[in-house]
Amino acid sequence: MGTLLGFDFGTARIGVATGETETRMAQSLSVIHGEANEQRFGEIEKLIREWRPVKLVVGLPTALDGSETDMTARCRRFANQLNGRFGLPVALVDERLSSAEAEELLREVKRDWRSRKQHLDAVAAQRILQSFLDMGDNNDTA
């Protein structure tokens, strides 16, 4: 039981969401910008200190047919780095279509494109984390 942080990993941005195992609800939190690992992990460390999660959840992108892509390997590496740096368990969750779902949610609240783009990664992280919460704790852990 406790707080979770969810991540939608990308090469330019990482969307972040938070959720609670007790309420089983996720909410978008922020977007980490930049490509430098030290900067990214510094921002993640601040979030971990603030939220004190019991587990981290990373979206695992695959092709629509379920096959792995170059980005799948990058996300697995990111999950392993999170586990190694912070000593927290990391679950991997299929994220197929999470960005499309996030785009649709933002379109429904009538955000203009610029506003949607600013929030897209955090909302995608929310969809990933909500999927994890909806499935229960039966997911792969890195």
C-alpha atoms as a PDB file:
ATOM      1  CA  MET A   1       0.000   0.000   0.000  1.00  0.00           C
ATOM      2  CA  GLY A   2       1.213   3.483  -0.729  1.00  0.00           C
ATOM      3  CA  THR A   3       2.086   5.998  -3.382  1.00  0.00           C
ATOM      4  CA  LEU A   4       3.222   5.094  -6.890  1.00  0.00           C
ATOM      5  CA  LEU A   5       4.963   7.175  -9.538  1.00  0.00           C
ATOM      6  CA  GLY A   6       4.302   6.374 -13.189  1.00  0.00           C
ATOM      7  CA  PHE A   7       6.485   7.307 -16.144  1.00  0.00           C
ATOM      8  CA  ASP A   8       5.878   7.717 -19.864  1.00  0.00           C
ATOM      9  CA  PHE A   9       9.491   7.590 -21.079  1.00  0.00           C
ATOM     10  CA  GLY A  10      10.539   9.492 -24.182  1.00  0.00           C
ATOM     11  CA  THR A  11      13.836  10.630 -25.617  1.00  0.00           C
ATOM     12  CA  ALA A  12      12.970  14.333 -25.261  1.00  0.00           C
ATOM     13  CA  ARG A  13      10.404  14.263 -22.436  1.00  0.00           C
ATOM     14  CA  ILE A  14       9.276  12.001 -19.606  1.00  0.00           C
ATOM     15  CA  GLY A  15       5.684  12.261 -18.439  1.00  0.00           C
ATOM     16  CA  VAL A  16       5.116  11.662 -14.731  1.00  0.00           C
ATOM     17  CA  ALA A  17       1.970  10.684 -12.832  1.00  0.00           C
ATOM     18  CA  THR A  18       1.209   9.784  -9.257  1.00  0.00           C
ATOM     19  CA  GLY A  19      -1.305   7.375  -7.828  1.00  0.00           C
ATOM     20  CA  GLU A  20      -2.344   5.633  -4.637  1.00  0.00           C
ATOM     21  CA  THR A  21      -2.816   1.912  -4.179  1.00  0.00           C
ATOM     22  CA  GLU A  22      -5.562   2.528  -1.626  1.00  0.00           C
ATOM     23  CA  THR A  23      -7.770   4.712  -3.842  1.00  0.00           C
ATOM     24  CA  ARG A  24      -6.590   3.040  -7.079  1.00  0.00           C
ATOM     25  CA  MET A  25      -6.612   6.430  -8.786  1.00  0.00           C
ATOM     26  CA  ALA A  26      -3.851   8.041 -10.854  1.00  0.00           C
ATOM     27  CA  GLN A  27      -3.396  11.695 -11.756  1.00  0.00           C
ATOM     28  CA  SER A  28      -0.985  13.461 -14.081  1.00  0.00           C
ATOM     29  CA  LEU A  29       1.825  15.264 -12.296  1.00  0.00           C
ATOM     30  CA  SER A  30       4.484  16.830 -14.512  1.00  0.00           C
ATOM     31  CA  VAL A  31       6.734  16.548 -17.546  1.00  0.00           C
ATOM     32  CA  ILE A  32      10.508  16.290 -17.290  1.00  0.00           C
ATOM     33  CA  HIS A  33      12.172  17.996 -20.265  1.00  0.00           C
ATOM     34  CA  GLY A  34      15.659  17.427 -21.625  1.00  0.00           C
ATOM     35  CA  GLU A  35      17.807  14.592 -22.846  1.00  0.00           C
ATOM     36  CA  ALA A  36      20.705  14.654 -20.346  1.00  0.00           C
ATOM     37  CA  ASN A  37      20.463  11.653 -18.012  1.00  0.00           C
ATOM     38  CA  GLU A  38      21.847  13.434 -14.952  1.00  0.00           C
ATOM     39  CA  GLN A  39      19.281  16.231 -15.290  1.00  0.00           C
ATOM     40  CA  ARG A  40      16.441  13.750 -15.799  1.00  0.00           C
ATOM     41  CA  PHE A  41      17.426  11.541 -12.885  1.00  0.00           C
ATOM     42  CA  GLY A  42      17.967  14.623 -10.715  1.00  0.00           C
ATOM     43  CA  GLU A  43      14.358  15.674 -11.367  1.00  0.00           C
ATOM     44  CA  ILE A  44      13.137  12.138 -10.709  1.00  0.00           C
ATOM     45  CA  GLU A  45      15.097  12.039  -7.445  1.00  0.00           C
ATOM     46  CA  LYS A  46      13.337  15.233  -6.313  1.00  0.00           C
ATOM     47  CA  LEU A  47       9.958  13.664  -7.099  1.00  0.00           C
ATOM     48  CA  ILE A  48      10.867  10.480  -5.230  1.00  0.00           C
ATOM     49  CA  ARG A  49      11.931  12.478  -2.172  1.00  0.00           C
ATOM     50  CA  GLU A  50       8.701  14.493  -2.296  1.00  0.00           C
ATOM     51  CA  TRP A  51       6.224  11.669  -2.987  1.00  0.00           C
ATOM     52  CA  ARG A  52       8.039   8.738  -1.290  1.00  0.00           C
ATOM     53  CA  PRO A  53       6.643   6.071  -3.630  1.00  0.00           C
ATOM     54  CA  VAL A  54       6.639   2.382  -2.766  1.00  0.00           C
ATOM     55  CA  LYS A  55       6.903   1.395  -6.440  1.00  0.00           C
ATOM     56  CA  LEU A  56       7.622   2.964  -9.822  1.00  0.00           C
ATOM     57  CA  VAL A  57       5.692   2.095 -12.978  1.00  0.00           C
ATOM     58  CA  VAL A  58       7.144   2.527 -16.477  1.00  0.00           C
ATOM     59  CA  GLY A  59       5.183   2.268 -19.702  1.00  0.00           C
ATOM     60  CA  LEU A  60       6.603  -0.308 -22.091  1.00  0.00           C
ATOM     61  CA  PRO A  61       5.941   0.574 -25.732  1.00  0.00           C
ATOM     62  CA  THR A  62       5.579  -2.198 -28.263  1.00  0.00           C
ATOM     63  CA  ALA A  63       4.318  -2.384 -31.816  1.00  0.00           C
ATOM     64  CA  LEU A  64       0.578  -2.910 -32.228  1.00  0.00           C
ATOM     65  CA  ASP A  65       1.243  -6.618 -32.816  1.00  0.00           C
ATOM     66  CA  GLY A  66       3.089  -6.813 -29.471  1.00  0.00           C
ATOM     67  CA  SER A  67       6.573  -7.114 -30.936  1.00  0.00           C
ATOM     68  CA  GLU A  68       9.410  -5.144 -29.378  1.00  0.00           C
ATOM     69  CA  THR A  69      10.876  -1.994 -30.920  1.00  0.00           C
ATOM     70  CA  ASP A  70      13.996   0.093 -30.332  1.00  0.00           C
ATOM     71  CA  MET A  71      11.985   2.172 -27.862  1.00  0.00           C
ATOM     72  CA  THR A  72      11.008  -0.983 -25.947  1.00  0.00           C
ATOM     73  CA  ALA A  73      14.683  -1.641 -25.195  1.00  0.00           C
ATOM     74  CA  ARG A  74      15.223   1.992 -24.156  1.00  0.00           C
ATOM     75  CA  CYS A  75      12.286   1.833 -21.748  1.00  0.00           C
ATOM     76  CA  ARG A  76      13.564  -1.419 -20.238  1.00  0.00           C
ATOM     77  CA  ARG A  77      16.959   0.234 -19.731  1.00  0.00           C
ATOM     78  CA  PHE A  78      15.270   3.278 -18.135  1.00  0.00           C
ATOM     79  CA  ALA A  79      13.330   0.972 -15.775  1.00  0.00           C
ATOM     80  CA  ASN A  80      16.536  -0.848 -14.817  1.00  0.00           C
ATOM     81  CA  GLN A  81      18.278   2.476 -14.186  1.00  0.00           C
ATOM     82  CA  LEU A  82      15.417   3.622 -11.945  1.00  0.00           C
ATOM     83  CA  ASN A  83      15.668   0.418  -9.948  1.00  0.00           C
ATOM     84  CA  GLY A  84      19.452   0.639  -9.696  1.00  0.00           C
ATOM     85  CA  ARG A  85      19.591   4.314  -8.727  1.00  0.00           C
ATOM     86  CA  PHE A  86      16.704   4.440  -6.290  1.00  0.00           C
ATOM     87  CA  GLY A  87      16.372   0.867  -5.032  1.00  0.00           C
ATOM     88  CA  LEU A  88      12.616   0.817  -5.626  1.00  0.00           C
ATOM     89  CA  PRO A  89      10.729  -1.948  -7.405  1.00  0.00           C
ATOM     90  CA  VAL A  90       9.786  -1.005 -10.964  1.00  0.00           C
ATOM     91  CA  ALA A  91       6.819  -2.492 -12.820  1.00  0.00           C
ATOM     92  CA  LEU A  92       6.595  -2.467 -16.610  1.00  0.00           C
ATOM     93  CA  VAL A  93       3.154  -1.922 -18.140  1.00  0.00           C
ATOM     94  CA  ASP A  94       2.099  -2.293 -21.782  1.00  0.00           C
ATOM     95  CA  GLU A  95       1.542   1.248 -22.972  1.00  0.00           C
ATOM     96  CA  ARG A  96       0.210   0.624 -26.455  1.00  0.00           C
ATOM     97  CA  LEU A  97      -2.145   3.447 -27.385  1.00  0.00           C
ATOM     98  CA  SER A  98      -1.612   5.384 -24.106  1.00  0.00           C
ATOM     99  CA  SER A  99      -0.542   8.513 -26.004  1.00  0.00           C
ATOM    100  CA  ALA A 100      -3.544   8.229 -28.323  1.00  0.00           C
ATOM    101  CA  GLU A 101      -5.840   7.856 -25.284  1.00  0.00           C
ATOM    102  CA  ALA A 102      -4.175  10.850 -23.636  1.00  0.00           C
ATOM    103  CA  GLU A 103      -4.600  12.950 -26.796  1.00  0.00           C
ATOM    104  CA  GLU A 104      -8.295  12.020 -26.939  1.00  0.00           C
ATOM    105  CA  LEU A 105      -8.816  12.910 -23.258  1.00  0.00           C
ATOM    106  CA  LEU A 106      -7.177  16.299 -23.756  1.00  0.00           C
ATOM    107  CA  ARG A 107      -9.199  16.920 -26.916  1.00  0.00           C
ATOM    108  CA  GLU A 108     -12.397  16.163 -24.968  1.00  0.00           C
ATOM    109  CA  VAL A 109     -11.609  18.955 -22.498  1.00  0.00           C
ATOM    110  CA  LYS A 110     -11.135  21.214 -25.529  1.00  0.00           C
ATOM    111  CA  ARG A 111      -7.525  22.164 -24.930  1.00  0.00           C
ATOM    112  CA  ASP A 112      -5.899  23.795 -27.943  1.00  0.00           C
ATOM    113  CA  TRP A 113      -3.005  21.923 -29.597  1.00  0.00           C
ATOM    114  CA  ARG A 114      -0.241  23.863 -27.797  1.00  0.00           C
ATOM    115  CA  SER A 115      -1.847  23.225 -24.427  1.00  0.00           C
ATOM    116  CA  ARG A 116      -2.481  19.554 -25.267  1.00  0.00           C
ATOM    117  CA  LYS A 117       1.145  19.083 -26.296  1.00  0.00           C
ATOM    118  CA  GLN A 118       2.370  20.508 -22.962  1.00  0.00           C
ATOM    119  CA  HIS A 119       0.225  18.046 -20.996  1.00  0.00           C
ATOM    120  CA  LEU A 120       0.277  15.015 -23.304  1.00  0.00           C
ATOM    121  CA  ASP A 121       3.192  13.129 -21.707  1.00  0.00           C
ATOM    122  CA  ALA A 122       1.920  13.598 -18.151  1.00  0.00           C
ATOM    123  CA  VAL A 123      -1.567  12.433 -19.154  1.00  0.00           C
ATOM    124  CA  ALA A 124      -0.034   9.438 -20.971  1.00  0.00           C
ATOM    125  CA  ALA A 125       1.828   8.611 -17.726  1.00  0.00           C
ATOM    126  CA  GLN A 126      -1.499   8.868 -15.911  1.00  0.00           C
ATOM    127  CA  ARG A 127      -3.093   6.381 -18.357  1.00  0.00           C
ATOM    128  CA  ILE A 128      -0.142   3.987 -17.878  1.00  0.00           C
ATOM    129  CA  LEU A 129      -0.349   4.203 -14.091  1.00  0.00           C
ATOM    130  CA  GLN A 130      -4.144   3.898 -14.085  1.00  0.00           C
ATOM    131  CA  SER A 131      -3.818   0.768 -16.221  1.00  0.00           C
ATOM    132  CA  PHE A 132      -1.409  -0.677 -13.639  1.00  0.00           C
ATOM    133  CA  LEU A 133      -3.803   0.164 -10.793  1.00  0.00           C
ATOM    134  CA  ASP A 134      -6.770  -1.314 -12.680  1.00  0.00           C
ATOM    135  CA  MET A 135      -4.909  -4.608 -13.274  1.00  0.00           C
ATOM    136  CA  GLY A 136      -3.842  -4.980  -9.661  1.00  0.00           C
ATOM    137  CA  ASP A 137      -0.267  -5.823  -8.701  1.00  0.00           C
ATOM    138  CA  ASN A 138       0.213  -8.673 -11.201  1.00  0.00           C
ATOM    139  CA  ASN A 139       2.672  -6.897 -13.490  1.00  0.00           C
ATOM    140  CA  ASP A 140       6.280  -7.535 -14.473  1.00  0.00           C
ATOM    141  CA  THR A 141       8.838  -5.976 -12.160  1.00  0.00           C
ATOM    142  CA  ALA A 142      12.262  -4.911 -13.402  1.00  0.00           C
END
